């Protein structure tokens, strides 16, 4: 029964981490698209509208950072729960 509780705790932490990461990405993307884009709209750097660039690229950059954070945190979670790499 202890193994079942440990498995449930592991997957619960995994799902929580995914949901938190997606929520952070959604909020930051919303912030870039709704708040930052109008503020920086009209400012051109190298022929590219800075507001549009942040709305597009900023969301992608934050998503990549969250993927690396997720991988790092899952590695720690695996170590805590004794999951061996194959």
PDB file of N, CA and C in Angstrom:
ATOM      1  N   UNK A   1       0.814  -1.198   0.000  1.00  0.00           N
ATOM      2  CA  UNK A   1       0.000   0.000   0.000  1.00  0.00           C
ATOM      3  C   UNK A   1       0.860   1.265   0.000  1.00  0.00           C
ATOM      4  N   UNK A   2       2.032   1.184   0.602  1.00  0.00           N
ATOM      5  CA  UNK A   2       2.924   2.346   0.646  1.00  0.00           C
ATOM      6  C   UNK A   2       3.396   2.733  -0.752  1.00  0.00           C
ATOM      7  N   UNK A   3       3.611   1.721  -1.590  1.00  0.00           N
ATOM      8  CA  UNK A   3       4.032   1.974  -2.972  1.00  0.00           C
ATOM      9  C   UNK A   3       2.949   2.734  -3.731  1.00  0.00           C
ATOM     10  N   UNK A   4       1.686   2.382  -3.501  1.00  0.00           N
ATOM     11  CA  UNK A   4       0.577   3.086  -4.155  1.00  0.00           C
ATOM     12  C   UNK A   4       0.522   4.542  -3.726  1.00  0.00           C
ATOM     13  N   UNK A   5       0.704   4.797  -2.439  1.00  0.00           N
ATOM     14  CA  UNK A   5       0.692   6.179  -1.950  1.00  0.00           C
ATOM     15  C   UNK A   5       1.844   6.979  -2.536  1.00  0.00           C
ATOM     16  N   UNK A   6       3.012   6.337  -2.655  1.00  0.00           N
ATOM     17  CA  UNK A   6       4.165   7.029  -3.233  1.00  0.00           C
ATOM     18  C   UNK A   6       3.945   7.303  -4.719  1.00  0.00           C
ATOM     19  N   UNK A   7       3.355   6.347  -5.423  1.00  0.00           N
ATOM     20  CA  UNK A   7       3.021   6.548  -6.842  1.00  0.00           C
ATOM     21  C   UNK A   7       2.021   7.680  -7.009  1.00  0.00           C
ATOM     22  N   UNK A   8       1.001   7.702  -6.173  1.00  0.00           N
ATOM     23  CA  UNK A   8       0.000   8.770  -6.245  1.00  0.00           C
ATOM     24  C   UNK A   8       0.618  10.130  -5.954  1.00  0.00           C
ATOM     25  N   UNK A   9       1.504  10.201  -4.978  1.00  0.00           N
ATOM     26  CA  UNK A   9       2.167  11.465  -4.653  1.00  0.00           C
ATOM     27  C   UNK A   9       3.043  11.921  -5.814  1.00  0.00           C
ATOM     28  N   UNK A  10       3.736  10.983  -6.441  1.00  0.00           N
ATOM     29  CA  UNK A  10       4.605  11.308  -7.576  1.00  0.00           C
ATOM     30  C   UNK A  10       3.795  11.868  -8.731  1.00  0.00           C
ATOM     31  N   UNK A  11       2.712  11.180  -9.114  1.00  0.00           N
ATOM     32  CA  UNK A  11       1.911  11.641 -10.249  1.00  0.00           C
ATOM     33  C   UNK A  11       1.121  12.898  -9.911  1.00  0.00           C
ATOM     34  N   UNK A  12       0.733  13.045  -8.675  1.00  0.00           N
ATOM     35  CA  UNK A  12       0.050  14.266  -8.266  1.00  0.00           C
ATOM     36  C   UNK A  12       0.986  15.472  -8.396  1.00  0.00           C
ATOM     37  N   UNK A  13       2.230  15.295  -7.963  1.00  0.00           N
ATOM     38  CA  UNK A  13       3.214  16.380  -8.098  1.00  0.00           C
ATOM     39  C   UNK A  13       3.503  16.658  -9.562  1.00  0.00           C
ATOM     40  N   UNK A  14       3.543  15.620 -10.383  1.00  0.00           N
ATOM     41  CA  UNK A  14       3.797  15.775 -11.810  1.00  0.00           C
ATOM     42  C   UNK A  14       2.676  16.573 -12.481  1.00  0.00           C
ATOM     43  N   UNK A  15       1.437  16.218 -12.204  1.00  0.00           N
ATOM     44  CA  UNK A  15       0.292  16.915 -12.799  1.00  0.00           C
ATOM     45  C   UNK A  15       0.236  18.356 -12.310  1.00  0.00           C
ATOM     46  N   UNK A  16       0.493  18.562 -11.020  1.00  0.00           N
ATOM     47  CA  UNK A  16       0.515  19.929 -10.473  1.00  0.00           C
ATOM     48  C   UNK A  16       1.555  20.778 -11.179  1.00  0.00           C
ATOM     49  N   UNK A  17       2.740  20.212 -11.400  1.00  0.00           N
ATOM     50  CA  UNK A  17       3.816  20.940 -12.073  1.00  0.00           C
ATOM     51  C   UNK A  17       3.421  21.317 -13.498  1.00  0.00           C
ATOM     52  N   UNK A  18       2.780  20.403 -14.208  1.00  0.00           N
ATOM     53  CA  UNK A  18       2.321  20.694 -15.573  1.00  0.00           C
ATOM     54  C   UNK A  18       1.282  21.809 -15.561  1.00  0.00           C
ATOM     55  N   UNK A  19       0.314  21.722 -14.677  1.00  0.00           N
ATOM     56  CA  UNK A  19      -0.743  22.735 -14.627  1.00  0.00           C
ATOM     57  C   UNK A  19      -0.206  24.109 -14.229  1.00  0.00           C
ATOM     58  N   UNK A  20       0.705  24.138 -13.282  1.00  0.00           N
ATOM     59  CA  UNK A  20       1.308  25.413 -12.879  1.00  0.00           C
ATOM     60  C   UNK A  20       2.106  26.016 -14.029  1.00  0.00           C
ATOM     61  N   UNK A  21       2.874  25.188 -14.732  1.00  0.00           N
ATOM     62  CA  UNK A  21       3.665  25.671 -15.876  1.00  0.00           C
ATOM     63  C   UNK A  21       2.767  26.227 -16.967  1.00  0.00           C
ATOM     64  N   UNK A  22       1.681  25.525 -17.273  1.00  0.00           N
ATOM     65  CA  UNK A  22       0.755  26.011 -18.304  1.00  0.00           C
ATOM     66  C   UNK A  22       0.061  27.302 -17.874  1.00  0.00           C
ATOM     67  N   UNK A  23      -0.274  27.411 -16.601  1.00  0.00           N
ATOM     68  CA  UNK A  23      -0.906  28.639 -16.102  1.00  0.00           C
ATOM     69  C   UNK A  23       0.047  29.822 -16.185  1.00  0.00           C
ATOM     70  N   UNK A  24       1.301  29.602 -15.828  1.00  0.00           N
ATOM     71  CA  UNK A  24       2.303  30.678 -15.926  1.00  0.00           C
ATOM     72  C   UNK A  24       2.468  31.098 -17.377  1.00  0.00           C
ATOM     73  N   UNK A  25       2.560  30.120 -18.284  1.00  0.00           N
ATOM     74  CA  UNK A  25       2.739  30.445 -19.696  1.00  0.00           C
ATOM     75  C   UNK A  25       1.536  31.219 -20.230  1.00  0.00           C
ATOM     76  N   UNK A  26       0.335  30.807 -19.847  1.00  0.00           N
ATOM     77  CA  UNK A  26      -0.865  31.501 -20.317  1.00  0.00           C
ATOM     78  C   UNK A  26      -0.915  32.938 -19.807  1.00  0.00           C
ATOM     79  N   UNK A  27      -0.586  33.141 -18.534  1.00  0.00           N
ATOM     80  CA  UNK A  27      -0.602  34.497 -17.971  1.00  0.00           C
ATOM     81  C   UNK A  27       0.452  35.390 -18.621  1.00  0.00           C
ATOM     82  N   UNK A  28       1.640  34.847 -18.818  1.00  0.00           N
ATOM     83  CA  UNK A  28       2.705  35.651 -19.425  1.00  0.00           C
ATOM     84  C   UNK A  28       2.371  35.953 -20.885  1.00  0.00           C
ATOM     85  N   UNK A  29       1.850  34.973 -21.606  1.00  0.00           N
ATOM     86  CA  UNK A  29       1.458  35.207 -22.997  1.00  0.00           C
ATOM     87  C   UNK A  29       0.360  36.261 -23.082  1.00  0.00           C
ATOM     88  N   UNK A  30      -0.600  36.181 -22.173  1.00  0.00           N
ATOM     89  CA  UNK A  30      -1.670  37.168 -22.114  1.00  0.00           C
ATOM     90  C   UNK A  30      -1.084  38.547 -21.836  1.00  0.00           C
ATOM     91  N   UNK A  31      -0.135  38.602 -20.902  1.00  0.00           N
ATOM     92  CA  UNK A  31       0.511  39.874 -20.583  1.00  0.00           C
ATOM     93  C   UNK A  31       1.257  40.466 -21.757  1.00  0.00           C
ATOM     94  N   UNK A  32       1.991  39.614 -22.476  1.00  0.00           N
ATOM     95  CA  UNK A  32       2.713  40.092 -23.658  1.00  0.00           C
ATOM     96  C   UNK A  32       1.745  40.570 -24.730  1.00  0.00           C
ATOM     97  N   UNK A  33       0.688  39.801 -24.966  1.00  0.00           N
ATOM     98  CA  UNK A  33      -0.231  40.120 -26.053  1.00  0.00           C
ATOM     99  C   UNK A  33      -1.157  41.277 -25.764  1.00  0.00           C
ATOM    100  N   UNK A  34      -1.648  41.362 -24.547  1.00  0.00           N
ATOM    101  CA  UNK A  34      -2.662  42.369 -24.223  1.00  0.00           C
ATOM    102  C   UNK A  34      -2.066  43.643 -23.625  1.00  0.00           C
ATOM    103  N   UNK A  35      -1.057  43.484 -22.787  1.00  0.00           N
ATOM    104  CA  UNK A  35      -0.524  44.644 -22.070  1.00  0.00           C
ATOM    105  C   UNK A  35       0.701  45.235 -22.759  1.00  0.00           C
ATOM    106  N   UNK A  36       1.681  44.386 -23.048  1.00  0.00           N
ATOM    107  CA  UNK A  36       2.955  44.888 -23.563  1.00  0.00           C
ATOM    108  C   UNK A  36       2.883  45.294 -25.034  1.00  0.00           C
ATOM    109  N   UNK A  37       2.086  44.561 -25.825  1.00  0.00           N
ATOM    110  CA  UNK A  37       2.019  44.871 -27.257  1.00  0.00           C
ATOM    111  C   UNK A  37       1.514  46.287 -27.536  1.00  0.00           C
ATOM    112  N   UNK A  38       0.408  46.708 -26.931  1.00  0.00           N
ATOM    113  CA  UNK A  38      -0.028  48.090 -27.199  1.00  0.00           C
ATOM    114  C   UNK A  38       0.963  49.150 -26.691  1.00  0.00           C
ATOM    115  N   UNK A  39       1.661  48.847 -25.583  1.00  0.00           N
ATOM    116  CA  UNK A  39       2.623  49.813 -25.058  1.00  0.00           C
ATOM    117  C   UNK A  39       3.809  50.013 -25.993  1.00  0.00           C
ATOM    118  N   UNK A  40       4.252  48.922 -26.616  1.00  0.00           N
ATOM    119  CA  UNK A  40       5.433  48.993 -27.476  1.00  0.00           C
ATOM    120  C   UNK A  40       5.090  49.127 -28.949  1.00  0.00           C
ATOM    121  N   UNK A  41       3.819  49.119 -29.278  1.00  0.00           N
ATOM    122  CA  UNK A  41       3.401  49.234 -30.666  1.00  0.00           C
ATOM    123  C   UNK A  41       3.840  50.578 -31.236  1.00  0.00           C
ATOM    124  N   UNK A  42       4.345  50.537 -32.422  1.00  0.00           N
ATOM    125  CA  UNK A  42       4.809  51.756 -33.077  1.00  0.00           C
ATOM    126  C   UNK A  42       6.290  51.987 -32.907  1.00  0.00           C
ATOM    127  N   UNK A  43       6.930  51.292 -31.991  1.00  0.00           N
ATOM    128  CA  UNK A  43       8.376  51.394 -31.821  1.00  0.00           C
ATOM    129  C   UNK A  43       9.007  50.352 -32.730  1.00  0.00           C
ATOM    130  N   UNK A  44       9.762  50.792 -33.698  1.00  0.00           N
ATOM    131  CA  UNK A  44      10.365  49.867 -34.648  1.00  0.00           C
ATOM    132  C   UNK A  44      11.862  49.753 -34.389  1.00  0.00           C
ATOM    133  N   UNK A  45      12.324  48.526 -34.350  1.00  0.00           N
ATOM    134  CA  UNK A  45      13.754  48.246 -34.203  1.00  0.00           C
ATOM    135  C   UNK A  45      14.146  47.345 -35.353  1.00  0.00           C
ATOM    136  N   UNK A  46      15.004  47.841 -36.217  1.00  0.00           N
ATOM    137  CA  UNK A  46      15.430  47.048 -37.363  1.00  0.00           C
ATOM    138  C   UNK A  46      14.297  46.715 -38.308  1.00  0.00           C
ATOM    139  N   UNK A  47      13.302  47.555 -38.404  1.00  0.00           N
ATOM    140  CA  UNK A  47      12.177  47.332 -39.299  1.00  0.00           C
ATOM    141  C   UNK A  47      11.087  46.433 -38.723  1.00  0.00           C
ATOM    142  N   UNK A  48      11.259  45.991 -37.492  1.00  0.00           N
ATOM    143  CA  UNK A  48      10.264  45.123 -36.865  1.00  0.00           C
ATOM    144  C   UNK A  48       9.568  45.882 -35.743  1.00  0.00           C
ATOM    145  N   UNK A  49       8.249  45.797 -35.742  1.00  0.00           N
ATOM    146  CA  UNK A  49       7.476  46.424 -34.680  1.00  0.00           C
ATOM    147  C   UNK A  49       7.762  45.693 -33.369  1.00  0.00           C
ATOM    148  N   UNK A  50       8.259  46.420 -32.372  1.00  0.00           N
ATOM    149  CA  UNK A  50       8.685  45.815 -31.115  1.00  0.00           C
ATOM    150  C   UNK A  50       7.517  45.182 -30.357  1.00  0.00           C
ATOM    151  N   UNK A  51       6.354  45.803 -30.400  1.00  0.00           N
ATOM    152  CA  UNK A  51       5.185  45.245 -29.727  1.00  0.00           C
ATOM    153  C   UNK A  51       4.782  43.904 -30.320  1.00  0.00           C
ATOM    154  N   UNK A  52       4.789  43.816 -31.642  1.00  0.00           N
ATOM    155  CA  UNK A  52       4.444  42.563 -32.309  1.00  0.00           C
ATOM    156  C   UNK A  52       5.488  41.492 -32.018  1.00  0.00           C
ATOM    157  N   UNK A  53       6.771  41.881 -31.993  1.00  0.00           N
ATOM    158  CA  UNK A  53       7.841  40.915 -31.723  1.00  0.00           C
ATOM    159  C   UNK A  53       7.696  40.339 -30.324  1.00  0.00           C
ATOM    160  N   UNK A  54       7.450  41.179 -29.325  1.00  0.00           N
ATOM    161  CA  UNK A  54       7.281  40.685 -27.956  1.00  0.00           C
ATOM    162  C   UNK A  54       6.060  39.783 -27.836  1.00  0.00           C
ATOM    163  N   UNK A  55       4.979  40.129 -28.524  1.00  0.00           N
ATOM    164  CA  UNK A  55       3.779  39.308 -28.444  1.00  0.00           C
ATOM    165  C   UNK A  55       4.030  37.919 -29.018  1.00  0.00           C
ATOM    166  N   UNK A  56       4.821  37.830 -30.084  1.00  0.00           N
ATOM    167  CA  UNK A  56       5.107  36.534 -30.698  1.00  0.00           C
ATOM    168  C   UNK A  56       6.256  35.815 -30.021  1.00  0.00           C
ATOM    169  N   UNK A  57       7.419  36.426 -30.052  1.00  0.00           N
ATOM    170  CA  UNK A  57       8.636  35.767 -29.594  1.00  0.00           C
ATOM    171  C   UNK A  57       8.693  35.645 -28.073  1.00  0.00           C
ATOM    172  N   UNK A  58       8.161  36.607 -27.375  1.00  0.00           N
ATOM    173  CA  UNK A  58       8.187  36.552 -25.915  1.00  0.00           C
ATOM    174  C   UNK A  58       7.444  35.342 -25.391  1.00  0.00           C
ATOM    175  N   UNK A  59       6.317  35.036 -25.988  1.00  0.00           N
ATOM    176  CA  UNK A  59       5.540  33.873 -25.576  1.00  0.00           C
ATOM    177  C   UNK A  59       6.316  32.583 -25.835  1.00  0.00           C
ATOM    178  N   UNK A  60       6.981  32.497 -26.951  1.00  0.00           N
ATOM    179  CA  UNK A  60       7.775  31.309 -27.286  1.00  0.00           C
ATOM    180  C   UNK A  60       8.954  31.174 -26.337  1.00  0.00           C
ATOM    181  N   UNK A  61       9.625  32.262 -26.043  1.00  0.00           N
ATOM    182  CA  UNK A  61      10.773  32.228 -25.128  1.00  0.00           C
ATOM    183  C   UNK A  61      10.346  31.773 -23.738  1.00  0.00           C
ATOM    184  N   UNK A  62       9.238  32.303 -23.252  1.00  0.00           N
ATOM    185  CA  UNK A  62       8.742  31.898 -21.931  1.00  0.00           C
ATOM    186  C   UNK A  62       8.360  30.417 -21.946  1.00  0.00           C
ATOM    187  N   UNK A  63       7.763  29.948 -23.021  1.00  0.00           N
ATOM    188  CA  UNK A  63       7.406  28.539 -23.128  1.00  0.00           C
ATOM    189  C   UNK A  63       8.649  27.655 -23.070  1.00  0.00           C
ATOM    190  N   UNK A  64       9.717  28.044 -23.766  1.00  0.00           N
ATOM    191  CA  UNK A  64      10.962  27.268 -23.728  1.00  0.00           C
ATOM    192  C   UNK A  64      11.589  27.279 -22.335  1.00  0.00           C
ATOM    193  N   UNK A  65      11.560  28.417 -21.677  1.00  0.00           N
ATOM    194  CA  UNK A  65      12.086  28.493 -20.308  1.00  0.00           C
ATOM    195  C   UNK A  65      11.297  27.570 -19.389  1.00  0.00           C
ATOM    196  N   UNK A  66       9.981  27.546 -19.544  1.00  0.00           N
ATOM    197  CA  UNK A  66       9.157  26.669 -18.714  1.00  0.00           C
ATOM    198  C   UNK A  66       9.417  25.189 -18.998  1.00  0.00           C
ATOM    199  N   UNK A  67       9.718  24.844 -20.253  1.00  0.00           N
ATOM    200  CA  UNK A  67      10.065  23.453 -20.566  1.00  0.00           C
ATOM    201  C   UNK A  67      11.343  23.056 -19.838  1.00  0.00           C
ATOM    202  N   UNK A  68      12.352  23.924 -19.858  1.00  0.00           N
ATOM    203  CA  UNK A  68      13.594  23.621 -19.146  1.00  0.00           C
ATOM    204  C   UNK A  68      13.360  23.560 -17.636  1.00  0.00           C
ATOM    205  N   UNK A  69      12.532  24.452 -17.111  1.00  0.00           N
ATOM    206  CA  UNK A  69      12.196  24.409 -15.686  1.00  0.00           C
ATOM    207  C   UNK A  69      11.488  23.106 -15.355  1.00  0.00           C
ATOM    208  N   UNK A  70      10.548  22.710 -16.212  1.00  0.00           N
ATOM    209  CA  UNK A  70       9.813  21.470 -15.990  1.00  0.00           C
ATOM    210  C   UNK A  70      10.766  20.273 -15.982  1.00  0.00           C
ATOM    211  N   UNK A  71      11.695  20.220 -16.933  1.00  0.00           N
ATOM    212  CA  UNK A  71      12.654  19.105 -16.986  1.00  0.00           C
ATOM    213  C   UNK A  71      13.535  19.082 -15.739  1.00  0.00           C
ATOM    214  N   UNK A  72      14.000  20.237 -15.304  1.00  0.00           N
ATOM    215  CA  UNK A  72      14.843  20.318 -14.109  1.00  0.00           C
ATOM    216  C   UNK A  72      14.064  19.869 -12.874  1.00  0.00           C
ATOM    217  N   UNK A  73      12.831  20.349 -12.749  1.00  0.00           N
ATOM    218  CA  UNK A  73      12.018  20.008 -11.575  1.00  0.00           C
ATOM    219  C   UNK A  73      11.627  18.531 -11.595  1.00  0.00           C
ATOM    220  N   UNK A  74      11.328  17.986 -12.764  1.00  0.00           N
ATOM    221  CA  UNK A  74      10.991  16.567 -12.851  1.00  0.00           C
ATOM    222  C   UNK A  74      12.194  15.707 -12.492  1.00  0.00           C
ATOM    223  N   UNK A  75      13.387  16.139 -12.862  1.00  0.00           N
ATOM    224  CA  UNK A  75      14.594  15.406 -12.482  1.00  0.00           C
ATOM    225  C   UNK A  75      14.725  15.361 -10.966  1.00  0.00           C
ATOM    226  N   UNK A  76      14.493  16.500 -10.301  1.00  0.00           N
ATOM    227  CA  UNK A  76      14.539  16.525  -8.832  1.00  0.00           C
ATOM    228  C   UNK A  76      13.436  15.652  -8.238  1.00  0.00           C
ATOM    229  N   UNK A  77      12.251  15.707  -8.818  1.00  0.00           N
ATOM    230  CA  UNK A  77      11.136  14.903  -8.338  1.00  0.00           C
ATOM    231  C   UNK A  77      11.442  13.411  -8.504  1.00  0.00           C
ATOM    232  N   UNK A  78      12.049  13.040  -9.638  1.00  0.00           N
ATOM    233  CA  UNK A  78      12.435  11.646  -9.858  1.00  0.00           C
ATOM    234  C   UNK A  78      13.446  11.192  -8.810  1.00  0.00           C
ATOM    235  N   UNK A  79      14.399  12.062  -8.503  1.00  0.00           N
ATOM    236  CA  UNK A  79      15.407  11.702  -7.503  1.00  0.00           C
ATOM    237  C   UNK A  79      14.777  11.550  -6.120  1.00  0.00           C
ATOM    238  N   UNK A  80      13.847  12.402  -5.785  1.00  0.00           N
ATOM    239  CA  UNK A  80      13.185  12.328  -4.482  1.00  0.00           C
ATOM    240  C   UNK A  80      12.382  11.044  -4.333  1.00  0.00           C
ATOM    241  N   UNK A  81      11.796  10.585  -5.437  1.00  0.00           N
ATOM    242  CA  UNK A  81      10.958   9.393  -5.389  1.00  0.00           C
ATOM    243  C   UNK A  81      11.685   8.137  -5.825  1.00  0.00           C
ATOM    244  N   UNK A  82      12.988   8.262  -6.076  1.00  0.00           N
ATOM    245  CA  UNK A  82      13.798   7.090  -6.390  1.00  0.00           C
ATOM    246  C   UNK A  82      13.509   6.474  -7.749  1.00  0.00           C
ATOM    247  N   UNK A  83      13.094   7.286  -8.717  1.00  0.00           N
ATOM    248  CA  UNK A  83      12.842   6.775 -10.064  1.00  0.00           C
ATOM    249  C   UNK A  83      14.186   6.706 -10.786  1.00  0.00           C
ATOM    250  N   UNK A  84      14.515   5.525 -11.284  1.00  0.00           N
ATOM    251  CA  UNK A  84      15.788   5.344 -11.989  1.00  0.00           C
ATOM    252  C   UNK A  84      15.611   5.644 -13.472  1.00  0.00           C
ATOM    253  N   UNK A  85      16.689   6.175 -14.077  1.00  0.00           N
ATOM    254  CA  UNK A  85      16.674   6.400 -15.514  1.00  0.00           C
ATOM    255  C   UNK A  85      16.898   5.072 -16.212  1.00  0.00           C
ATOM    256  N   UNK A  86      16.290   4.925 -17.372  1.00  0.00           N
ATOM    257  CA  UNK A  86      16.451   3.668 -18.118  1.00  0.00           C
ATOM    258  C   UNK A  86      17.524   3.803 -19.156  1.00  0.00           C
TER     259      UNK A  86
END
